[in-house]
Amino acid sequence: MHPTLVQIENAAAPAGLARRGRLPEWLRKPEAHPEAVTSLKRELRSLELHTVCESARCPNLNECFGRGQATFMILGNLCTRGCGFCSVPKGSPGKGEFTLDPMEPAHVAHMAKTMRLRYIVITSVNRDDLADGGSTHFAETVRQVRRTLPEARVEVLTPDFEGNLDAVARVLDAGPHVFNHNMETVARLYAKVRPQAGYRQSLEVLRFARQHRPDVLTKSGLMVGLGERPEEVRQLLRDLREQGRADVATIGQYLQPSRRNLPVSAYVRPVQFDAYRDYGMSIGFEAVFSGPFVRSSYMADRVSEEASRGKC
């Protein structure tokens, strides 16, 4: 017997459970600290490299590091923005805290080769203190990775560059195979979740990426459990298809990374994630990766392969 639409849209753990900080059974992962995780962290630090896996306190870190996967975070480890959901360290440009390591692109390429990666995901902090938003540095990192590993596929997960489409074009022209820019949440919650960003601006970044490089897969992700309504999630998916022209969507559960971040409003049950996936596929996405532990770059190689098959 299939659950009714009303049953699905009420499929969230009680708000009290979220407030008390207890995780439902479907969000419990076994603690593991294998030597592979420690070893990879040691190698990353030796090159002064950062990963969003660590800085954003991703719940999948042990799993991904344990199988030799990581998402490189470039432009340093300090962000100029203060998004309510994110635990990446924040800094003040006026205090001279920000530096740009000219060796970072080469170090990312070297580390990707050392790890024998066949699929590399590169993201960054926001660098609103730089005139180009860090896009020149971002593009150089992509070029060096592609030069070092010509057979590998490269996915970029970019900031909005404050709507600077020349910066977006600069990264695209470096030759990534997948362009990802996250919407993060529904339009109504932007002021709370992404106060220094804009819903329409992020859609325009994705629309431009598709127009500028139609051969590149476009992708975007969002979190649920921040107080959104199911119809708002469906509207966001429609906007991504109709206005952003995204090929791929990822949907995951928001988990409060620290007490300084926004609280969890609800723990969304797996049945609701399945409903979001089915809806996304019904309106034309090539792939929708939807589940409690889904993150933008989690299993990115498999998601990209599925989407590429769909476009054939």
Protein backbone atom coordinates (compact mmCIF):
# COMPACT_ATOMS: atom_id res chain seq x y z
CA MET A 1 0.00 0.00 0.00
CA HIS A 2 1.42 3.37 -1.04
CA PRO A 3 1.38 6.23 1.50
CA THR A 4 -0.96 9.08 0.65
CA LEU A 5 0.41 12.51 -0.23
CA VAL A 6 -0.72 13.85 3.16
CA GLN A 7 1.07 11.04 4.95
CA ILE A 8 4.27 11.75 3.04
CA GLU A 9 4.18 15.49 3.66
CA ASN A 10 3.79 14.90 7.38
CA ALA A 11 6.74 12.50 7.34
CA ALA A 12 9.07 14.32 9.70
CA ALA A 13 10.25 13.47 13.17
CA PRO A 14 8.59 15.62 15.87
CA ALA A 15 10.01 19.11 16.31
CA GLY A 16 10.68 18.34 19.96
CA LEU A 17 13.08 15.60 18.92
CA ALA A 18 15.02 18.11 16.82
CA ARG A 19 15.11 20.63 19.66
CA ARG A 20 16.42 18.05 22.10
CA GLY A 21 19.18 17.13 19.66
CA ARG A 22 18.40 13.41 19.55
CA LEU A 23 18.85 11.83 16.15
CA PRO A 24 16.24 9.42 14.78
CA GLU A 25 17.42 5.93 13.91
CA TRP A 26 17.79 6.66 10.19
CA LEU A 27 20.36 9.38 10.94
CA ARG A 28 22.71 7.35 13.10
CA LYS A 29 26.03 6.39 11.62
CA PRO A 30 28.55 4.14 13.37
CA GLU A 31 31.57 5.96 14.75
CA ALA A 32 34.73 4.91 12.98
CA HIS A 33 38.25 6.27 12.94
CA PRO A 34 40.22 4.02 10.61
CA GLU A 35 43.88 4.58 9.96
CA ALA A 36 43.01 5.58 6.38
CA VAL A 37 41.18 8.66 7.70
CA THR A 38 44.08 9.74 9.89
CA SER A 39 46.57 9.14 7.10
CA LEU A 40 44.61 11.20 4.58
CA LYS A 41 44.26 14.09 7.01
CA ARG A 42 48.02 13.99 7.60
CA GLU A 43 48.75 14.18 3.87
CA LEU A 44 46.33 17.07 3.37
CA ARG A 45 47.91 19.07 6.19
CA SER A 46 51.40 18.47 4.78
CA LEU A 47 50.34 20.45 1.70
CA GLU A 48 48.29 22.96 3.70
CA LEU A 49 45.14 21.84 1.92
CA HIS A 50 41.59 22.03 3.26
CA THR A 51 38.49 19.97 2.63
CA VAL A 52 34.88 21.01 3.00
CA CYS A 53 34.37 17.58 4.54
CA GLU A 54 36.33 18.70 7.61
CA SER A 55 35.53 22.42 7.70
CA ALA A 56 31.78 21.89 7.27
CA ARG A 57 31.77 18.90 9.64
CA CYS A 58 30.20 16.54 7.12
CA PRO A 59 28.63 13.42 8.69
CA ASN A 60 30.01 11.33 5.79
CA LEU A 61 33.66 12.23 6.47
CA ASN A 62 34.76 8.87 7.88
CA GLU A 63 33.04 6.99 5.07
CA CYS A 64 34.49 9.12 2.28
CA PHE A 65 37.99 9.53 3.73
CA GLY A 66 38.02 5.83 4.48
CA ARG A 67 37.58 5.04 0.79
CA GLY A 68 40.06 7.68 -0.31
CA GLN A 69 37.62 10.41 -1.38
CA ALA A 70 37.58 14.07 -0.38
CA THR A 71 36.24 17.39 -1.64
CA PHE A 72 38.98 20.00 -1.88
CA MET A 73 38.13 23.46 -0.53
CA ILE A 74 40.31 26.19 -2.04
CA LEU A 75 40.87 29.93 -1.51
CA GLY A 76 41.87 29.23 2.07
CA ASN A 77 39.84 28.16 5.06
CA LEU A 78 38.20 31.47 6.01
CA CYS A 79 34.90 32.62 4.51
CA THR A 80 33.76 36.23 4.15
CA ARG A 81 30.11 35.29 4.73
CA GLY A 82 28.15 34.13 7.74
CA CYS A 83 25.52 31.72 6.43
CA GLY A 84 23.38 30.35 9.24
CA PHE A 85 23.84 26.70 8.33
CA CYS A 86 27.60 26.62 7.73
CA SER A 87 30.44 25.88 10.16
CA VAL A 88 33.32 26.89 7.86
CA PRO A 89 35.45 29.41 9.81
CA LYS A 90 34.59 33.07 9.23
CA GLY A 91 37.03 35.96 8.96
CA SER A 92 37.18 39.73 8.53
CA PRO A 93 39.09 40.86 5.42
CA GLY A 94 39.97 44.18 7.04
CA LYS A 95 41.99 42.41 9.73
CA GLY A 96 44.47 40.94 7.27
CA GLU A 97 43.47 37.34 8.04
CA PHE A 98 43.03 36.33 4.42
CA THR A 99 45.89 35.05 2.30
CA LEU A 100 45.86 33.37 -1.09
CA ASP A 101 48.37 30.55 -1.44
CA PRO A 102 49.79 30.68 -5.00
CA MET A 103 50.84 27.03 -4.66
CA GLU A 104 47.35 25.82 -3.77
CA PRO A 105 46.33 24.88 -7.36
CA ALA A 106 49.48 22.80 -7.82
CA HIS A 107 49.06 21.19 -4.40
CA VAL A 108 45.45 20.20 -5.17
CA ALA A 109 46.56 18.63 -8.45
CA HIS A 110 49.40 16.79 -6.71
CA MET A 111 47.13 15.51 -3.95
CA ALA A 112 44.49 14.35 -6.44
CA LYS A 113 47.18 12.39 -8.28
CA THR A 114 48.55 10.93 -5.04
CA MET A 115 45.04 9.80 -4.10
CA ARG A 116 44.59 8.33 -7.61
CA LEU A 117 41.29 10.11 -7.99
CA ARG A 118 39.29 9.56 -11.15
CA TYR A 119 36.66 12.10 -10.12
CA ILE A 120 37.73 15.32 -8.41
CA VAL A 121 35.37 17.79 -6.71
CA ILE A 122 36.67 21.30 -6.04
CA THR A 123 34.78 23.86 -3.99
CA SER A 124 35.75 27.06 -2.19
CA VAL A 125 34.92 29.49 0.54
CA ASN A 126 33.31 32.79 -0.43
CA ARG A 127 35.94 35.45 -1.08
CA ASP A 128 33.92 38.64 -1.44
CA ASP A 129 37.08 40.56 -0.53
CA LEU A 130 38.60 39.77 -3.94
CA ALA A 131 37.58 41.72 -7.04
CA ASP A 132 37.04 38.51 -9.04
CA GLY A 133 35.68 36.53 -6.08
CA GLY A 134 38.66 34.19 -6.38
CA SER A 135 37.55 32.94 -9.80
CA THR A 136 40.99 33.30 -11.39
CA HIS A 137 42.51 31.12 -8.66
CA PHE A 138 39.58 28.69 -8.98
CA ALA A 139 40.08 28.42 -12.74
CA GLU A 140 43.82 27.85 -12.37
CA THR A 141 43.14 25.00 -9.93
CA VAL A 142 40.84 23.34 -12.47
CA ARG A 143 43.43 23.73 -15.24
CA GLN A 144 46.23 22.26 -13.15
CA VAL A 145 44.11 19.29 -12.07
CA ARG A 146 43.07 18.60 -15.66
CA ARG A 147 46.66 18.92 -16.85
CA THR A 148 47.91 16.53 -14.17
CA LEU A 149 45.03 14.04 -14.50
CA PRO A 150 43.76 14.37 -18.08
CA GLU A 151 41.62 11.22 -17.85
CA ALA A 152 39.82 12.28 -14.67
CA ARG A 153 36.54 14.15 -14.48
CA VAL A 154 36.34 17.43 -12.58
CA GLU A 155 33.31 18.87 -10.81
CA VAL A 156 33.30 22.42 -9.45
CA LEU A 157 31.02 23.59 -6.66
CA THR A 158 31.23 27.37 -6.83
CA PRO A 159 29.99 30.31 -4.79
CA ASP A 160 27.74 32.85 -6.50
CA PHE A 161 30.65 35.30 -7.02
CA GLU A 162 28.15 38.01 -5.98
CA GLY A 163 26.40 37.54 -9.32
CA ASN A 164 29.54 38.33 -11.37
CA LEU A 165 28.89 36.25 -14.49
CA ASP A 166 32.36 37.01 -15.88
CA ALA A 167 33.72 35.16 -12.86
CA VAL A 168 31.37 32.24 -13.53
CA ALA A 169 32.50 32.16 -17.17
CA ARG A 170 36.16 32.19 -16.08
CA VAL A 171 35.68 29.00 -14.07
CA LEU A 172 33.65 27.32 -16.81
CA ASP A 173 36.24 28.16 -19.46
CA ALA A 174 38.86 26.27 -17.43
CA GLY A 175 37.12 23.07 -18.49
CA PRO A 176 35.21 21.38 -15.65
CA HIS A 177 32.91 18.52 -16.63
CA VAL A 178 30.24 19.39 -14.03
CA PHE A 179 29.24 22.83 -12.76
CA ASN A 180 27.53 22.84 -9.37
CA HIS A 181 26.12 25.83 -7.53
CA ASN A 182 23.90 25.16 -4.52
CA MET A 183 20.59 26.89 -3.92
CA GLU A 184 20.75 25.52 -0.33
CA THR A 185 17.16 26.37 0.69
CA VAL A 186 13.76 27.61 -0.48
CA ALA A 187 13.17 31.25 -1.39
CA ARG A 188 11.27 32.14 1.81
CA LEU A 189 14.17 31.12 4.06
CA TYR A 190 16.99 32.93 2.26
CA ALA A 191 17.07 35.89 4.63
CA LYS A 192 17.65 33.52 7.54
CA VAL A 193 19.79 30.83 5.92
CA ARG A 194 21.78 32.77 3.27
CA PRO A 195 21.46 36.46 4.20
CA GLN A 196 24.31 37.56 1.92
CA ALA A 197 23.04 35.66 -1.12
CA GLY A 198 19.99 35.88 -3.35
CA TYR A 199 17.59 33.22 -4.58
CA ARG A 200 17.17 34.76 -8.04
CA GLN A 201 20.88 35.50 -8.26
CA SER A 202 21.76 31.85 -7.68
CA LEU A 203 19.24 30.75 -10.30
CA GLU A 204 20.84 33.21 -12.73
CA VAL A 205 24.30 31.73 -12.06
CA LEU A 206 22.97 28.30 -13.03
CA ARG A 207 21.05 29.62 -16.06
CA PHE A 208 24.16 31.42 -17.30
CA ALA A 209 26.33 28.32 -16.78
CA ARG A 210 23.97 26.27 -18.95
CA GLN A 211 23.89 28.98 -21.63
CA HIS A 212 27.66 29.58 -21.61
CA ARG A 213 28.68 25.92 -21.64
CA PRO A 214 25.75 23.74 -22.73
CA ASP A 215 28.08 20.71 -22.87
CA VAL A 216 28.70 20.86 -19.10
CA LEU A 217 26.35 19.12 -16.65
CA THR A 218 24.72 21.64 -14.30
CA LYS A 219 23.87 20.67 -10.75
CA SER A 220 22.45 22.19 -7.59
CA GLY A 221 21.69 21.07 -4.06
CA LEU A 222 19.43 21.96 -1.16
CA MET A 223 18.93 21.07 2.48
CA VAL A 224 15.64 20.20 4.15
CA GLY A 225 14.77 20.36 7.82
CA LEU A 226 15.15 24.14 8.12
CA GLY A 227 11.44 24.92 8.27
CA GLU A 228 10.56 24.66 4.58
CA ARG A 229 7.24 23.26 3.36
CA PRO A 230 7.09 20.38 0.83
CA GLU A 231 5.41 22.58 -1.80
CA GLU A 232 8.26 25.09 -1.44
CA VAL A 233 10.75 22.30 -2.13
CA ARG A 234 8.77 21.30 -5.21
CA GLN A 235 8.73 24.95 -6.33
CA LEU A 236 12.50 25.14 -5.94
CA LEU A 237 12.89 22.01 -8.05
CA ARG A 238 10.63 23.51 -10.71
CA ASP A 239 12.66 26.75 -10.66
CA LEU A 240 15.86 24.78 -11.10
CA ARG A 241 14.47 23.05 -14.18
CA GLU A 242 12.59 25.97 -15.72
CA GLN A 243 14.89 28.88 -14.85
CA GLY A 244 18.25 27.45 -13.82
CA ARG A 245 18.11 24.59 -16.33
CA ALA A 246 19.87 22.25 -13.90
CA ASP A 247 20.41 18.60 -14.91
CA VAL A 248 21.03 17.22 -11.42
CA ALA A 249 19.60 17.96 -7.97
CA THR A 250 20.80 16.77 -4.57
CA ILE A 251 18.60 16.90 -1.46
CA GLY A 252 19.83 16.12 2.05
CA GLN A 253 18.94 16.57 5.69
CA TYR A 254 20.30 19.67 7.42
CA LEU A 255 22.20 18.76 10.58
CA GLN A 256 23.26 21.52 12.95
CA PRO A 257 27.09 21.46 12.85
CA SER A 258 27.58 23.55 16.01
CA ARG A 259 25.57 25.48 18.59
CA ARG A 260 26.34 28.71 16.72
CA ASN A 261 24.41 27.50 13.68
CA LEU A 262 20.69 27.39 12.96
CA PRO A 263 18.76 24.70 14.82
CA VAL A 264 17.16 21.78 13.01
CA SER A 265 13.45 22.37 12.51
CA ALA A 266 12.58 18.77 11.62
CA TYR A 267 14.18 15.47 10.74
CA VAL A 268 12.67 14.51 7.42
CA ARG A 269 11.85 10.83 7.04
CA PRO A 270 13.27 8.73 4.18
CA VAL A 271 9.81 8.37 2.59
CA GLN A 272 9.69 12.16 2.02
CA PHE A 273 13.14 12.12 0.41
CA ASP A 274 11.86 9.40 -1.93
CA ALA A 275 8.85 11.59 -2.79
CA TYR A 276 11.12 14.54 -3.60
CA ARG A 277 13.28 12.33 -5.81
CA ASP A 278 10.28 10.98 -7.69
CA TYR A 279 8.89 14.47 -8.19
CA GLY A 280 12.21 15.78 -9.47
CA MET A 281 12.55 12.97 -11.97
CA SER A 282 8.95 13.52 -13.11
CA ILE A 283 9.72 17.14 -14.13
CA GLY A 284 12.79 16.29 -16.18
CA PHE A 285 15.93 16.06 -14.05
CA GLU A 286 18.49 13.61 -15.38
CA ALA A 287 19.28 12.55 -11.80
CA VAL A 288 17.98 13.40 -8.33
CA PHE A 289 20.04 12.15 -5.39
CA SER A 290 17.77 12.49 -2.35
CA GLY A 291 18.29 11.06 1.12
CA PRO A 292 19.09 11.95 4.73
CA PHE A 293 22.88 11.78 4.31
CA VAL A 294 23.06 13.22 0.80
CA ARG A 295 25.42 16.17 0.38
CA SER A 296 26.41 18.10 -2.76
CA SER A 297 29.57 16.14 -3.41
CA TYR A 298 28.64 12.86 -1.72
CA MET A 299 28.93 10.03 -4.27
CA ALA A 300 29.34 12.76 -6.88
CA ASP A 301 31.00 10.39 -9.35
CA ARG A 302 28.03 8.01 -9.31
CA VAL A 303 25.49 10.82 -9.59
CA SER A 304 27.36 12.32 -12.54
CA GLU A 305 27.52 8.95 -14.28
CA GLU A 306 23.78 8.43 -13.81
CA ALA A 307 23.01 11.89 -15.18
CA SER A 308 25.33 11.41 -18.16
CA ARG A 309 23.56 8.16 -19.06
CA GLY A 310 20.27 10.01 -18.93
CA LYS A 311 21.45 12.63 -21.41
CA CYS A 312 22.64 10.02 -23.93
